[in-house]
Protein backbone atom coordinates (compact mmCIF):
# COMPACT_ATOMS: atom_id res chain seq x y z
CA MET A 1 -8.21 41.35 10.88
CA ARG A 2 -8.06 43.59 7.84
CA THR A 3 -4.94 45.42 6.84
CA PRO A 4 -5.24 49.18 6.64
CA GLN A 5 -5.53 50.63 3.13
CA SER A 6 -4.24 53.96 2.01
CA HIS A 7 -6.72 56.64 1.02
CA THR A 8 -5.58 56.34 -2.64
CA ALA A 9 -6.38 52.63 -2.68
CA LEU A 10 -9.95 53.43 -1.76
CA LYS A 11 -10.23 56.05 -4.51
CA ASN A 12 -8.64 53.90 -7.26
CA PRO A 13 -9.82 50.30 -6.87
CA PRO A 14 -8.39 47.87 -9.44
CA THR A 15 -10.64 47.46 -12.44
CA ARG A 16 -12.21 44.08 -13.00
CA SER A 17 -11.45 44.19 -16.72
CA THR A 18 -7.68 44.28 -16.26
CA LEU A 19 -6.27 40.80 -16.84
CA GLU A 20 -2.81 39.75 -15.82
CA ASP A 21 -0.75 38.75 -18.85
CA LEU A 22 2.25 36.75 -17.76
CA ARG A 23 5.06 35.99 -20.16
CA MET A 24 4.96 32.31 -21.05
CA PRO A 25 8.29 30.48 -21.41
CA VAL A 26 9.21 29.54 -24.97
CA GLN A 27 9.45 25.89 -23.94
CA ALA A 28 5.79 25.90 -22.85
CA LYS A 29 4.70 27.57 -26.09
CA LEU A 30 6.58 24.99 -28.14
CA ALA A 31 5.19 22.04 -26.15
CA ALA A 32 1.65 23.43 -26.48
CA ALA A 33 2.09 23.90 -30.23
CA TRP A 34 3.48 20.36 -30.70
CA THR A 35 0.57 19.01 -28.60
CA SER A 36 -1.95 20.85 -30.79
CA PHE A 37 -0.15 19.60 -33.88
CA MET A 38 -0.40 16.03 -32.57
CA PHE A 39 -4.15 16.37 -31.94
CA LEU A 40 -4.67 17.50 -35.54
CA TYR A 41 -2.32 14.83 -36.85
CA ILE A 42 -4.07 12.05 -34.95
CA TYR A 43 -7.64 13.17 -35.66
CA VAL A 44 -7.00 13.58 -39.37
CA ASP A 45 -5.73 9.99 -39.42
CA TYR A 46 -8.68 8.85 -37.32
CA PHE A 47 -11.33 10.44 -39.56
CA THR A 48 -9.54 9.08 -42.62
CA LEU A 49 -10.56 5.62 -41.43
CA TYR A 50 -14.14 6.49 -42.44
CA LYS A 51 -13.18 6.68 -46.11
CA PRO A 52 -14.23 3.56 -48.00
CA GLY A 53 -11.41 1.06 -48.52
CA VAL A 54 -8.89 2.71 -46.19
CA ILE A 55 -9.03 0.05 -43.49
CA HIS A 56 -8.71 -2.75 -46.04
CA ASP A 57 -5.65 -1.08 -47.58
CA MET A 58 -4.09 -0.59 -44.14
CA LEU A 59 -4.62 -4.26 -43.28
CA VAL A 60 -2.59 -5.26 -46.35
CA GLY A 61 0.13 -2.71 -45.52
CA ARG A 62 -0.67 0.05 -48.00
CA VAL A 63 -1.18 3.64 -47.01
CA TRP A 64 -1.92 6.03 -49.84
CA GLU A 65 0.12 4.77 -52.76
CA PHE A 66 3.13 3.70 -50.72
CA ASP A 67 4.08 0.60 -48.83
CA ILE A 68 4.50 1.73 -45.23
CA SER A 69 6.46 -0.37 -42.78
CA GLN A 70 5.69 -0.44 -39.09
CA VAL A 71 8.92 1.46 -38.37
CA VAL A 72 8.07 4.27 -40.79
CA GLY A 73 4.53 4.55 -39.43
CA LEU A 74 5.78 4.64 -35.84
CA SER A 75 8.49 7.18 -36.70
CA LEU A 76 6.03 9.55 -38.33
CA MET A 77 3.99 9.56 -35.12
CA ALA A 78 6.79 9.25 -32.53
CA VAL A 79 8.84 12.26 -33.60
CA PRO A 80 6.13 14.91 -32.98
CA ILE A 81 5.08 13.10 -29.79
CA LEU A 82 8.65 13.22 -28.51
CA MET A 83 8.91 16.89 -29.50
CA VAL A 84 6.25 17.70 -26.86
CA PHE A 85 8.53 16.16 -24.23
CA LEU A 86 11.80 17.46 -25.66
CA SER A 87 10.43 21.01 -25.94
CA MET A 88 9.97 21.05 -22.17
CA THR A 89 13.14 19.25 -21.13
CA LEU A 90 16.01 20.07 -23.48
CA PRO A 91 18.34 22.96 -22.68
CA ALA A 92 17.54 26.13 -24.64
CA ARG A 93 20.22 25.80 -27.33
CA ALA A 94 19.48 22.13 -28.11
CA ASN A 95 15.74 22.80 -27.86
CA ARG A 96 15.91 25.63 -30.37
CA LEU A 97 18.02 23.55 -32.76
CA MET A 98 15.72 20.52 -32.57
CA ASN A 99 12.64 22.63 -33.27
CA LEU A 100 14.34 24.40 -36.18
CA ILE A 101 15.24 21.02 -37.69
CA VAL A 102 12.09 18.96 -37.03
CA ALA A 103 9.37 21.55 -37.80
CA PRO A 104 10.44 22.11 -41.46
CA ILE A 105 10.58 18.34 -41.99
CA TYR A 106 6.98 18.07 -40.80
CA VAL A 107 5.91 20.96 -43.02
CA VAL A 108 7.02 18.75 -45.92
CA VAL A 109 5.38 15.65 -44.40
CA SER A 110 2.12 17.56 -43.87
CA ALA A 111 2.16 19.01 -47.39
CA PHE A 112 2.88 15.55 -48.79
CA ASN A 113 -0.16 14.15 -46.95
CA VAL A 114 -2.52 16.37 -48.96
CA LEU A 115 -1.46 14.72 -52.22
CA GLY A 116 -3.82 12.08 -53.47
CA GLY A 117 -6.52 12.89 -50.96
CA SER A 118 -10.11 12.75 -52.15
CA TRP A 119 -11.40 14.88 -49.29
CA ILE A 120 -9.68 18.05 -50.47
CA LEU A 121 -11.53 20.43 -48.15
CA PHE A 122 -10.95 18.20 -45.11
CA TYR A 123 -7.28 17.59 -45.84
CA GLY A 124 -6.63 21.11 -47.07
CA LEU A 125 -8.06 22.71 -43.94
CA SER A 126 -6.47 20.30 -41.47
CA ILE A 127 -3.07 20.39 -43.13
CA GLY A 128 -3.30 24.17 -43.41
CA LEU A 129 -3.82 24.29 -39.64
CA GLU A 130 -0.89 21.89 -39.11
CA VAL A 131 1.36 24.08 -41.24
CA LEU A 132 0.27 27.19 -39.31
CA LEU A 133 1.20 25.46 -36.05
CA LEU A 134 4.54 24.42 -37.52
CA ALA A 135 5.14 28.00 -38.68
CA PHE A 136 4.43 29.17 -35.12
CA ILE A 137 6.94 26.60 -33.83
CA LEU A 138 9.55 27.81 -36.31
CA ARG A 139 8.94 31.45 -35.46
CA SER A 140 9.06 30.79 -31.71
CA ALA A 141 12.29 28.82 -31.99
CA TRP A 142 13.86 31.31 -34.41
CA THR A 143 13.03 34.34 -32.23
CA TRP A 144 13.93 32.64 -28.94
CA PRO A 145 14.81 35.50 -26.56
CA ARG A 146 18.45 35.87 -25.73
CA ARG A 147 19.65 36.82 -22.29
CA THR A 148 21.99 39.77 -22.33
CA ALA A 149 24.39 40.16 -19.47
CA SER A 150 24.67 43.57 -17.87
CA PRO A 151 28.14 44.91 -16.95
CA ALA A 152 27.29 44.35 -13.27
CA THR A 153 26.45 40.71 -13.94
CA LEU A 154 29.68 40.22 -15.89
CA ALA A 155 31.73 41.78 -13.09
CA THR A 156 30.05 39.58 -10.50
CA SER A 157 30.55 36.44 -12.56
CA LEU A 158 34.23 37.25 -13.01
CA ASP A 159 34.59 37.47 -9.23
CA ASN A 160 33.08 34.00 -8.87
CA GLU A 161 35.55 32.32 -11.26
CA PRO A 162 38.15 30.14 -9.58
CA LEU A 163 41.66 31.56 -9.55
CA ARG A 164 43.98 29.97 -12.05
CA THR A 165 47.65 29.67 -11.51
CA PRO A 166 49.83 30.64 -14.46
CA GLN A 167 51.20 27.72 -16.44
CA ARG A 168 54.96 27.48 -16.85
CA ALA A 169 56.35 26.56 -20.20
């Protein structure tokens, strides 16, 4: 059974070109940006393996010009991976703070990775994209919307507070 429509609904049908644009939570934006960052980060490392001599150097424990321990290598990968999870699960204040601390550190790490690379176009483009994602993360965390309480909300919340008995000195 069809529901009756008003006469204006028949005259003004919704246009097919109008798309619904829902506001995405900041946490989802941050997690998506960290996920994209990780894909770039991983694939740049993966395609680096095709450079002559890279695998041999890795087998003897040298990456670029530096001795890299297993802990350092794991840390460089684990922090952005964990940021995907933390961006979705941490409370807003801690989430914002973590993103404002970790993203600038990885801007430096990403910029450092371009040094000494022989594939300048490859590294320059990929690291440029990484830095753009990190800038988006910083901007999203920095401009995190704040909830403002209306006077009605404040009055209601005051009514819900437990009564306190005065303390005697």
